[in-house]
Protein backbone atom coordinates (compact mmCIF):
# COMPACT_ATOMS: atom_id res chain seq x y z
CA MET A 1 82.71 20.87 -24.83
CA ARG A 2 80.48 17.84 -24.34
CA TYR A 3 83.52 15.59 -24.80
CA LEU A 4 85.37 17.37 -21.98
CA VAL A 5 82.43 16.91 -19.59
CA ILE A 6 82.24 13.19 -20.37
CA LEU A 7 86.00 12.86 -19.97
CA ALA A 8 85.92 14.67 -16.61
CA LEU A 9 83.09 12.46 -15.32
CA GLY A 10 85.00 9.35 -16.37
CA ALA A 11 88.08 10.53 -14.53
CA LEU A 12 86.09 11.19 -11.36
CA ALA A 13 84.49 7.76 -11.50
CA ALA A 14 87.91 6.14 -11.72
CA CYS A 15 89.11 7.94 -8.58
CA SER A 16 87.30 5.84 -6.01
CA SER A 17 89.07 5.42 -2.73
CA ALA A 18 90.95 2.31 -1.71
CA GLY A 19 88.42 1.86 1.08
CA ALA A 20 85.50 1.89 -1.33
CA ARG A 21 87.22 -0.70 -3.54
CA GLU A 22 87.89 -2.96 -0.54
CA GLU A 23 84.28 -2.49 0.57
CA GLU A 24 83.12 -3.74 -2.84
CA LYS A 25 85.36 -6.79 -2.39
CA TYR A 26 83.86 -7.38 1.08
CA ASP A 27 80.36 -7.34 -0.41
CA MET A 28 81.39 -9.90 -3.03
CA VAL A 29 83.01 -12.15 -0.41
CA LYS A 30 79.96 -11.83 1.83
CA ARG A 31 77.57 -12.85 -0.96
CA GLN A 32 79.67 -15.93 -1.69
CA ALA A 33 80.11 -16.82 1.99
CA GLU A 34 76.35 -16.65 2.56
CA LYS A 35 75.80 -19.19 -0.22
CA VAL A 36 78.11 -21.70 1.44
CA GLY A 37 77.62 -20.78 5.09
CA VAL A 38 80.49 -22.92 6.38
CA PHE A 39 83.16 -20.77 8.02
CA LYS A 40 81.33 -17.60 6.90
CA TYR A 41 82.96 -15.34 9.49
CA ARG A 42 86.39 -16.89 9.04
CA THR A 43 86.10 -15.75 5.45
CA LEU A 44 84.75 -12.30 6.31
CA CYS A 45 87.22 -11.53 9.10
CA PRO A 46 90.32 -10.86 6.96
CA GLN A 47 88.32 -9.00 4.33
CA SER A 48 86.69 -6.68 6.86
CA ARG A 49 90.13 -5.97 8.31
CA ALA A 50 91.35 -5.10 4.82
CA VAL A 51 88.47 -2.62 4.43
CA ALA A 52 89.27 -0.99 7.79
CA ASP A 53 92.96 -0.78 6.88
CA ALA A 54 92.15 0.78 3.51
CA TYR A 55 90.00 3.47 5.13
CA LEU A 56 92.81 4.11 7.59
CA GLU A 57 95.17 4.64 4.65
CA ASP A 58 92.55 6.95 3.08
CA ARG A 59 92.50 8.90 6.38
CA ASN A 60 88.70 8.51 6.54
CA GLU A 61 88.20 8.30 10.29
CA ALA A 62 84.42 7.81 10.30
CA LYS A 63 84.55 4.90 7.84
CA TYR A 64 87.59 3.46 9.62
CA GLN A 65 85.69 3.38 12.92
CA GLU A 66 82.68 1.76 11.24
CA TRP A 67 84.78 -0.94 9.57
CA LYS A 68 86.98 -1.50 12.62
CA LEU A 69 83.81 -2.39 14.55
CA THR A 70 82.64 -4.63 11.70
CA ALA A 71 86.04 -6.35 11.63
CA ASP A 72 85.98 -6.84 15.41
CA LEU A 73 82.52 -8.42 15.17
CA ASP A 74 83.37 -10.62 12.18
CA CYS A 75 86.60 -11.79 13.77
CA GLY A 76 84.95 -12.39 17.13
CA LEU A 77 82.32 -14.56 15.46
CA ALA A 78 85.07 -16.39 13.59
CA SER A 79 86.61 -17.58 16.85
CA GLU A 80 85.63 -20.72 18.70
CA PRO A 81 82.93 -21.64 19.72
CA TYR A 82 81.08 -19.38 17.28
CA ALA A 83 82.90 -20.33 14.09
CA LYS A 84 80.36 -21.30 11.48
């Protein structure tokens, strides 16, 4: 019985959404971009768009709206004259 519970928990942990996986990638990219600083938002722009797209595919409207706004901000800051 204990084995079945552990197996079920492992299966649930493996079922994270595509949006959550892309969000993890965004966090990794953000940590690396903050270390360098040059073209930070040009790096974050495509990754934040990927997160928004993944939540759209997941049909998670609340998260999609949140990440669409984040993507719009990141991409706006990536444009001239803000690009840094």
